[in-house]
């Protein structure tokens, strides 16, 4: 139970961060007028992610969540084919 409380606290702190000044990056080779996924690295190892078409909707991931996502993507867990 304490572990779940700790995770919730970390998530709340992550969403409480002021990210107005973060640097958003996208995949190399994409231009400003293309639809793309953008990420920003946050203090403490977290990552924020948004769509260039909807920059006001931002998802935030803890370092552990982001690491799990990246490893899953590398393993092909999200392949559509």
PDB file of N, CA and C in Angstrom:
ATOM      1  N   UNK A   1       0.824  -1.202   0.000  1.00  0.00           N
ATOM      2  CA  UNK A   1       0.000   0.000   0.000  1.00  0.00           C
ATOM      3  C   UNK A   1       0.862   1.257   0.000  1.00  0.00           C
ATOM      4  N   UNK A   2       1.955   1.251   0.787  1.00  0.00           N
ATOM      5  CA  UNK A   2       2.823   2.421   0.836  1.00  0.00           C
ATOM      6  C   UNK A   2       3.453   2.682  -0.521  1.00  0.00           C
ATOM      7  N   UNK A   3       3.762   1.615  -1.270  1.00  0.00           N
ATOM      8  CA  UNK A   3       4.348   1.767  -2.597  1.00  0.00           C
ATOM      9  C   UNK A   3       3.387   2.488  -3.538  1.00  0.00           C
ATOM     10  N   UNK A   4       2.117   2.154  -3.477  1.00  0.00           N
ATOM     11  CA  UNK A   4       1.114   2.815  -4.319  1.00  0.00           C
ATOM     12  C   UNK A   4       0.972   4.286  -3.939  1.00  0.00           C
ATOM     13  N   UNK A   5       1.040   4.582  -2.657  1.00  0.00           N
ATOM     14  CA  UNK A   5       0.959   5.962  -2.183  1.00  0.00           C
ATOM     15  C   UNK A   5       2.173   6.751  -2.676  1.00  0.00           C
ATOM     16  N   UNK A   6       3.356   6.136  -2.608  1.00  0.00           N
ATOM     17  CA  UNK A   6       4.574   6.793  -3.090  1.00  0.00           C
ATOM     18  C   UNK A   6       4.480   7.077  -4.584  1.00  0.00           C
ATOM     19  N   UNK A   7       3.995   6.117  -5.361  1.00  0.00           N
ATOM     20  CA  UNK A   7       3.861   6.314  -6.805  1.00  0.00           C
ATOM     21  C   UNK A   7       2.884   7.445  -7.107  1.00  0.00           C
ATOM     22  N   UNK A   8       1.797   7.501  -6.374  1.00  0.00           N
ATOM     23  CA  UNK A   8       0.808   8.563  -6.579  1.00  0.00           C
ATOM     24  C   UNK A   8       1.404   9.926  -6.230  1.00  0.00           C
ATOM     25  N   UNK A   9       2.163   9.997  -5.162  1.00  0.00           N
ATOM     26  CA  UNK A   9       2.812  11.246  -4.766  1.00  0.00           C
ATOM     27  C   UNK A   9       3.789  11.703  -5.834  1.00  0.00           C
ATOM     28  N   UNK A  10       4.595  10.796  -6.350  1.00  0.00           N
ATOM     29  CA  UNK A  10       5.565  11.132  -7.396  1.00  0.00           C
ATOM     30  C   UNK A  10       4.840  11.641  -8.635  1.00  0.00           C
ATOM     31  N   UNK A  11       3.742  10.998  -9.006  1.00  0.00           N
ATOM     32  CA  UNK A  11       2.976  11.415 -10.179  1.00  0.00           C
ATOM     33  C   UNK A  11       2.385  12.810  -9.963  1.00  0.00           C
ATOM     34  N   UNK A  12       1.850  13.064  -8.782  1.00  0.00           N
ATOM     35  CA  UNK A  12       1.301  14.393  -8.477  1.00  0.00           C
ATOM     36  C   UNK A  12       2.381  15.465  -8.558  1.00  0.00           C
ATOM     37  N   UNK A  13       3.560  15.168  -8.048  1.00  0.00           N
ATOM     38  CA  UNK A  13       4.670  16.120  -8.110  1.00  0.00           C
ATOM     39  C   UNK A  13       5.089  16.367  -9.559  1.00  0.00           C
ATOM     40  N   UNK A  14       5.071  15.317 -10.355  1.00  0.00           N
ATOM     41  CA  UNK A  14       5.432  15.437 -11.764  1.00  0.00           C
ATOM     42  C   UNK A  14       4.464  16.362 -12.493  1.00  0.00           C
ATOM     43  N   UNK A  15       3.166  16.220 -12.237  1.00  0.00           N
ATOM     44  CA  UNK A  15       2.169  17.064 -12.893  1.00  0.00           C
ATOM     45  C   UNK A  15       2.113  18.474 -12.293  1.00  0.00           C
ATOM     46  N   UNK A  16       2.697  18.654 -11.116  1.00  0.00           N
ATOM     47  CA  UNK A  16       2.717  19.985 -10.508  1.00  0.00           C
ATOM     48  C   UNK A  16       3.883  20.837 -11.026  1.00  0.00           C
ATOM     49  N   UNK A  17       4.834  20.210 -11.699  1.00  0.00           N
ATOM     50  CA  UNK A  17       5.979  20.952 -12.219  1.00  0.00           C
ATOM     51  C   UNK A  17       5.546  21.997 -13.240  1.00  0.00           C
ATOM     52  N   UNK A  18       6.162  23.159 -13.160  1.00  0.00           N
ATOM     53  CA  UNK A  18       5.957  24.189 -14.176  1.00  0.00           C
ATOM     54  C   UNK A  18       6.861  23.835 -15.350  1.00  0.00           C
ATOM     55  N   UNK A  19       6.257  23.481 -16.481  1.00  0.00           N
ATOM     56  CA  UNK A  19       7.053  23.082 -17.638  1.00  0.00           C
ATOM     57  C   UNK A  19       6.984  24.125 -18.755  1.00  0.00           C
ATOM     58  N   UNK A  20       6.594  25.323 -18.407  1.00  0.00           N
ATOM     59  CA  UNK A  20       6.431  26.355 -19.428  1.00  0.00           C
ATOM     60  C   UNK A  20       7.737  26.690 -20.152  1.00  0.00           C
ATOM     61  N   UNK A  21       8.867  26.436 -19.547  1.00  0.00           N
ATOM     62  CA  UNK A  21      10.125  26.785 -20.180  1.00  0.00           C
ATOM     63  C   UNK A  21      10.923  25.604 -20.706  1.00  0.00           C
ATOM     64  N   UNK A  22      10.317  24.414 -20.768  1.00  0.00           N
ATOM     65  CA  UNK A  22      11.075  23.250 -21.218  1.00  0.00           C
ATOM     66  C   UNK A  22      11.353  23.318 -22.716  1.00  0.00           C
ATOM     67  N   UNK A  23      12.373  22.604 -23.130  1.00  0.00           N
ATOM     68  CA  UNK A  23      12.701  22.509 -24.554  1.00  0.00           C
ATOM     69  C   UNK A  23      12.062  21.251 -25.124  1.00  0.00           C
ATOM     70  N   UNK A  24      11.197  21.429 -26.106  1.00  0.00           N
ATOM     71  CA  UNK A  24      10.520  20.309 -26.762  1.00  0.00           C
ATOM     72  C   UNK A  24      11.367  19.851 -27.939  1.00  0.00           C
ATOM     73  N   UNK A  25      11.543  18.539 -28.051  1.00  0.00           N
ATOM     74  CA  UNK A  25      12.305  17.970 -29.156  1.00  0.00           C
ATOM     75  C   UNK A  25      11.452  16.940 -29.875  1.00  0.00           C
ATOM     76  N   UNK A  26      11.749  16.735 -31.140  1.00  0.00           N
ATOM     77  CA  UNK A  26      11.047  15.725 -31.928  1.00  0.00           C
ATOM     78  C   UNK A  26      12.065  14.949 -32.743  1.00  0.00           C
ATOM     79  N   UNK A  27      11.594  13.958 -33.438  1.00  0.00           N
ATOM     80  CA  UNK A  27      12.484  13.102 -34.211  1.00  0.00           C
ATOM     81  C   UNK A  27      13.243  13.919 -35.250  1.00  0.00           C
ATOM     82  N   UNK A  28      14.491  13.573 -35.463  1.00  0.00           N
ATOM     83  CA  UNK A  28      15.262  14.259 -36.504  1.00  0.00           C
ATOM     84  C   UNK A  28      14.579  14.108 -37.862  1.00  0.00           C
ATOM     85  N   UNK A  29      14.675  15.148 -38.659  1.00  0.00           N
ATOM     86  CA  UNK A  29      14.110  15.092 -39.998  1.00  0.00           C
ATOM     87  C   UNK A  29      12.671  15.562 -40.106  1.00  0.00           C
ATOM     88  N   UNK A  30      12.057  15.916 -38.970  1.00  0.00           N
ATOM     89  CA  UNK A  30      10.695  16.445 -39.029  1.00  0.00           C
ATOM     90  C   UNK A  30      10.756  17.961 -39.048  1.00  0.00           C
ATOM     91  N   UNK A  31       9.805  18.559 -39.726  1.00  0.00           N
ATOM     92  CA  UNK A  31       9.787  20.017 -39.799  1.00  0.00           C
ATOM     93  C   UNK A  31       8.690  20.569 -38.902  1.00  0.00           C
ATOM     94  N   UNK A  32       8.763  21.850 -38.656  1.00  0.00           N
ATOM     95  CA  UNK A  32       7.823  22.520 -37.755  1.00  0.00           C
ATOM     96  C   UNK A  32       6.368  22.406 -38.201  1.00  0.00           C
ATOM     97  N   UNK A  33       6.124  22.261 -39.502  1.00  0.00           N
ATOM     98  CA  UNK A  33       4.743  22.212 -39.989  1.00  0.00           C
ATOM     99  C   UNK A  33       4.199  20.791 -40.111  1.00  0.00           C
ATOM    100  N   UNK A  34       4.986  19.775 -39.755  1.00  0.00           N
ATOM    101  CA  UNK A  34       4.543  18.390 -39.804  1.00  0.00           C
ATOM    102  C   UNK A  34       3.918  17.966 -38.473  1.00  0.00           C
ATOM    103  N   UNK A  35       2.958  17.049 -38.554  1.00  0.00           N
ATOM    104  CA  UNK A  35       2.446  16.434 -37.331  1.00  0.00           C
ATOM    105  C   UNK A  35       3.543  15.539 -36.774  1.00  0.00           C
ATOM    106  N   UNK A  36       3.812  15.663 -35.480  1.00  0.00           N
ATOM    107  CA  UNK A  36       4.876  14.875 -34.866  1.00  0.00           C
ATOM    108  C   UNK A  36       4.661  14.763 -33.359  1.00  0.00           C
ATOM    109  N   UNK A  37       5.322  13.806 -32.769  1.00  0.00           N
ATOM    110  CA  UNK A  37       5.357  13.663 -31.319  1.00  0.00           C
ATOM    111  C   UNK A  37       6.558  14.444 -30.816  1.00  0.00           C
ATOM    112  N   UNK A  38       6.340  15.202 -29.746  1.00  0.00           N
ATOM    113  CA  UNK A  38       7.414  15.985 -29.141  1.00  0.00           C
ATOM    114  C   UNK A  38       7.584  15.539 -27.691  1.00  0.00           C
ATOM    115  N   UNK A  39       8.832  15.498 -27.239  1.00  0.00           N
ATOM    116  CA  UNK A  39       9.094  15.168 -25.841  1.00  0.00           C
ATOM    117  C   UNK A  39       9.971  16.245 -25.218  1.00  0.00           C
ATOM    118  N   UNK A  40       9.878  16.326 -23.894  1.00  0.00           N
ATOM    119  CA  UNK A  40      10.722  17.231 -23.116  1.00  0.00           C
ATOM    120  C   UNK A  40      11.221  16.463 -21.905  1.00  0.00           C
ATOM    121  N   UNK A  41      12.499  16.588 -21.630  1.00  0.00           N
ATOM    122  CA  UNK A  41      13.073  15.936 -20.454  1.00  0.00           C
ATOM    123  C   UNK A  41      12.862  16.841 -19.248  1.00  0.00           C
ATOM    124  N   UNK A  42      12.345  16.256 -18.174  1.00  0.00           N
ATOM    125  CA  UNK A  42      11.984  17.008 -16.973  1.00  0.00           C
ATOM    126  C   UNK A  42      12.978  16.757 -15.849  1.00  0.00           C
ATOM    127  N   UNK A  43      13.016  17.642 -14.869  1.00  0.00           N
ATOM    128  CA  UNK A  43      13.881  17.421 -13.717  1.00  0.00           C
ATOM    129  C   UNK A  43      13.533  16.104 -13.025  1.00  0.00           C
ATOM    130  N   UNK A  44      14.521  15.419 -12.529  1.00  0.00           N
ATOM    131  CA  UNK A  44      14.291  14.172 -11.822  1.00  0.00           C
ATOM    132  C   UNK A  44      14.142  12.972 -12.737  1.00  0.00           C
ATOM    133  N   UNK A  45      14.364  13.162 -14.037  1.00  0.00           N
ATOM    134  CA  UNK A  45      14.317  12.037 -14.959  1.00  0.00           C
ATOM    135  C   UNK A  45      12.991  11.813 -15.646  1.00  0.00           C
ATOM    136  N   UNK A  46      11.978  12.585 -15.308  1.00  0.00           N
ATOM    137  CA  UNK A  46      10.677  12.436 -15.953  1.00  0.00           C
ATOM    138  C   UNK A  46      10.702  12.939 -17.382  1.00  0.00           C
ATOM    139  N   UNK A  47       9.660  12.606 -18.129  1.00  0.00           N
ATOM    140  CA  UNK A  47       9.539  13.018 -19.522  1.00  0.00           C
ATOM    141  C   UNK A  47       8.111  13.484 -19.758  1.00  0.00           C
ATOM    142  N   UNK A  48       7.971  14.575 -20.507  1.00  0.00           N
ATOM    143  CA  UNK A  48       6.656  15.046 -20.946  1.00  0.00           C
ATOM    144  C   UNK A  48       6.540  14.744 -22.437  1.00  0.00           C
ATOM    145  N   UNK A  49       5.331  14.428 -22.886  1.00  0.00           N
ATOM    146  CA  UNK A  49       5.108  14.115 -24.288  1.00  0.00           C
ATOM    147  C   UNK A  49       3.827  14.786 -24.756  1.00  0.00           C
ATOM    148  N   UNK A  50       3.847  15.292 -25.991  1.00  0.00           N
ATOM    149  CA  UNK A  50       2.669  15.939 -26.558  1.00  0.00           C
ATOM    150  C   UNK A  50       2.666  15.747 -28.070  1.00  0.00           C
ATOM    151  N   UNK A  51       1.528  16.045 -28.674  1.00  0.00           N
ATOM    152  CA  UNK A  51       1.403  16.060 -30.125  1.00  0.00           C
ATOM    153  C   UNK A  51       1.595  17.494 -30.600  1.00  0.00           C
ATOM    154  N   UNK A  52       2.255  17.667 -31.723  1.00  0.00           N
ATOM    155  CA  UNK A  52       2.429  19.017 -32.261  1.00  0.00           C
ATOM    156  C   UNK A  52       1.094  19.629 -32.666  1.00  0.00           C
ATOM    157  N   UNK A  53       0.086  18.785 -32.914  1.00  0.00           N
ATOM    158  CA  UNK A  53      -1.234  19.292 -33.284  1.00  0.00           C
ATOM    159  C   UNK A  53      -2.059  19.725 -32.075  1.00  0.00           C
ATOM    160  N   UNK A  54      -1.666  19.272 -30.882  1.00  0.00           N
ATOM    161  CA  UNK A  54      -2.394  19.602 -29.660  1.00  0.00           C
ATOM    162  C   UNK A  54      -1.387  19.876 -28.539  1.00  0.00           C
ATOM    163  N   UNK A  55      -0.629  20.962 -28.640  1.00  0.00           N
ATOM    164  CA  UNK A  55       0.448  21.203 -27.681  1.00  0.00           C
ATOM    165  C   UNK A  55      -0.019  21.497 -26.252  1.00  0.00           C
ATOM    166  N   UNK A  56      -1.294  21.768 -26.057  1.00  0.00           N
ATOM    167  CA  UNK A  56      -1.786  22.040 -24.710  1.00  0.00           C
ATOM    168  C   UNK A  56      -2.085  20.770 -23.923  1.00  0.00           C
ATOM    169  N   UNK A  57      -2.186  19.635 -24.605  1.00  0.00           N
ATOM    170  CA  UNK A  57      -2.411  18.356 -23.933  1.00  0.00           C
ATOM    171  C   UNK A  57      -1.065  17.669 -23.771  1.00  0.00           C
ATOM    172  N   UNK A  58      -0.611  17.598 -22.530  1.00  0.00           N
ATOM    173  CA  UNK A  58       0.720  17.066 -22.250  1.00  0.00           C
ATOM    174  C   UNK A  58       0.601  15.896 -21.284  1.00  0.00           C
ATOM    175  N   UNK A  59       1.181  14.779 -21.679  1.00  0.00           N
ATOM    176  CA  UNK A  59       1.268  13.618 -20.799  1.00  0.00           C
ATOM    177  C   UNK A  59       2.636  13.632 -20.135  1.00  0.00           C
ATOM    178  N   UNK A  60       2.687  13.205 -18.886  1.00  0.00           N
ATOM    179  CA  UNK A  60       3.951  13.202 -18.157  1.00  0.00           C
ATOM    180  C   UNK A  60       4.207  11.808 -17.607  1.00  0.00           C
ATOM    181  N   UNK A  61       5.450  11.386 -17.715  1.00  0.00           N
ATOM    182  CA  UNK A  61       5.846  10.045 -17.306  1.00  0.00           C
ATOM    183  C   UNK A  61       7.018  10.121 -16.341  1.00  0.00           C
ATOM    184  N   UNK A  62       6.967   9.270 -15.332  1.00  0.00           N
ATOM    185  CA  UNK A  62       8.105   9.174 -14.424  1.00  0.00           C
ATOM    186  C   UNK A  62       9.264   8.533 -15.179  1.00  0.00           C
ATOM    187  N   UNK A  63      10.433   8.605 -14.609  1.00  0.00           N
ATOM    188  CA  UNK A  63      11.604   7.988 -15.235  1.00  0.00           C
ATOM    189  C   UNK A  63      11.375   6.498 -15.454  1.00  0.00           C
ATOM    190  N   UNK A  64      10.808   5.813 -14.471  1.00  0.00           N
ATOM    191  CA  UNK A  64      10.559   4.372 -14.600  1.00  0.00           C
ATOM    192  C   UNK A  64       9.522   4.075 -15.682  1.00  0.00           C
ATOM    193  N   UNK A  65       8.464   4.872 -15.762  1.00  0.00           N
ATOM    194  CA  UNK A  65       7.450   4.675 -16.801  1.00  0.00           C
ATOM    195  C   UNK A  65       8.046   4.878 -18.189  1.00  0.00           C
ATOM    196  N   UNK A  66       8.839   5.931 -18.339  1.00  0.00           N
ATOM    197  CA  UNK A  66       9.440   6.218 -19.643  1.00  0.00           C
ATOM    198  C   UNK A  66      10.408   5.109 -20.038  1.00  0.00           C
ATOM    199  N   UNK A  67      11.222   4.658 -19.103  1.00  0.00           N
ATOM    200  CA  UNK A  67      12.166   3.575 -19.371  1.00  0.00           C
ATOM    201  C   UNK A  67      11.419   2.326 -19.824  1.00  0.00           C
ATOM    202  N   UNK A  68      10.328   1.986 -19.148  1.00  0.00           N
ATOM    203  CA  UNK A  68       9.536   0.813 -19.534  1.00  0.00           C
ATOM    204  C   UNK A  68       8.950   0.980 -20.934  1.00  0.00           C
ATOM    205  N   UNK A  69       8.472   2.176 -21.253  1.00  0.00           N
ATOM    206  CA  UNK A  69       7.926   2.437 -22.586  1.00  0.00           C
ATOM    207  C   UNK A  69       8.995   2.274 -23.661  1.00  0.00           C
ATOM    208  N   UNK A  70      10.146   2.903 -23.452  1.00  0.00           N
ATOM    209  CA  UNK A  70      11.219   2.839 -24.455  1.00  0.00           C
ATOM    210  C   UNK A  70      11.681   1.398 -24.656  1.00  0.00           C
ATOM    211  N   UNK A  71      11.853   0.669 -23.579  1.00  0.00           N
ATOM    212  CA  UNK A  71      12.270  -0.731 -23.711  1.00  0.00           C
ATOM    213  C   UNK A  71      11.212  -1.548 -24.446  1.00  0.00           C
ATOM    214  N   UNK A  72       9.942  -1.295 -24.155  1.00  0.00           N
ATOM    215  CA  UNK A  72       8.870  -1.997 -24.855  1.00  0.00           C
ATOM    216  C   UNK A  72       8.841  -1.667 -26.338  1.00  0.00           C
ATOM    217  N   UNK A  73       9.060  -0.393 -26.661  1.00  0.00           N
ATOM    218  CA  UNK A  73       9.085   0.012 -28.072  1.00  0.00           C
ATOM    219  C   UNK A  73      10.250  -0.654 -28.793  1.00  0.00           C
ATOM    220  N   UNK A  74      11.399  -0.709 -28.145  1.00  0.00           N
ATOM    221  CA  UNK A  74      12.558  -1.364 -28.754  1.00  0.00           C
ATOM    222  C   UNK A  74      12.313  -2.846 -28.982  1.00  0.00           C
ATOM    223  N   UNK A  75      11.522  -3.460 -28.103  1.00  0.00           N
ATOM    224  CA  UNK A  75      11.220  -4.887 -28.232  1.00  0.00           C
ATOM    225  C   UNK A  75      10.078  -5.163 -29.207  1.00  0.00           C
ATOM    226  N   UNK A  76       9.478  -4.101 -29.760  1.00  0.00           N
ATOM    227  CA  UNK A  76       8.414  -4.286 -30.740  1.00  0.00           C
ATOM    228  C   UNK A  76       7.029  -4.458 -30.143  1.00  0.00           C
ATOM    229  N   UNK A  77       6.861  -4.160 -28.863  1.00  0.00           N
ATOM    230  CA  UNK A  77       5.554  -4.342 -28.209  1.00  0.00           C
ATOM    231  C   UNK A  77       4.451  -3.479 -28.807  1.00  0.00           C
ATOM    232  N   UNK A  78       4.815  -2.411 -29.473  1.00  0.00           N
ATOM    233  CA  UNK A  78       3.809  -1.481 -29.972  1.00  0.00           C
ATOM    234  C   UNK A  78       3.703  -1.501 -31.497  1.00  0.00           C
ATOM    235  N   UNK A  79       4.360  -2.453 -32.143  1.00  0.00           N
ATOM    236  CA  UNK A  79       4.284  -2.568 -33.592  1.00  0.00           C
ATOM    237  C   UNK A  79       2.844  -2.867 -34.009  1.00  0.00           C
ATOM    238  N   UNK A  80       2.375  -2.189 -35.024  1.00  0.00           N
ATOM    239  CA  UNK A  80       1.015  -2.384 -35.491  1.00  0.00           C
ATOM    240  C   UNK A  80       0.868  -3.525 -36.479  1.00  0.00           C
ATOM    241  N   UNK A  81       1.951  -4.008 -37.010  1.00  0.00           N
ATOM    242  CA  UNK A  81       1.870  -5.098 -37.997  1.00  0.00           C
ATOM    243  C   UNK A  81       1.931  -6.473 -37.372  1.00  0.00           C
TER     244      UNK A  81
END
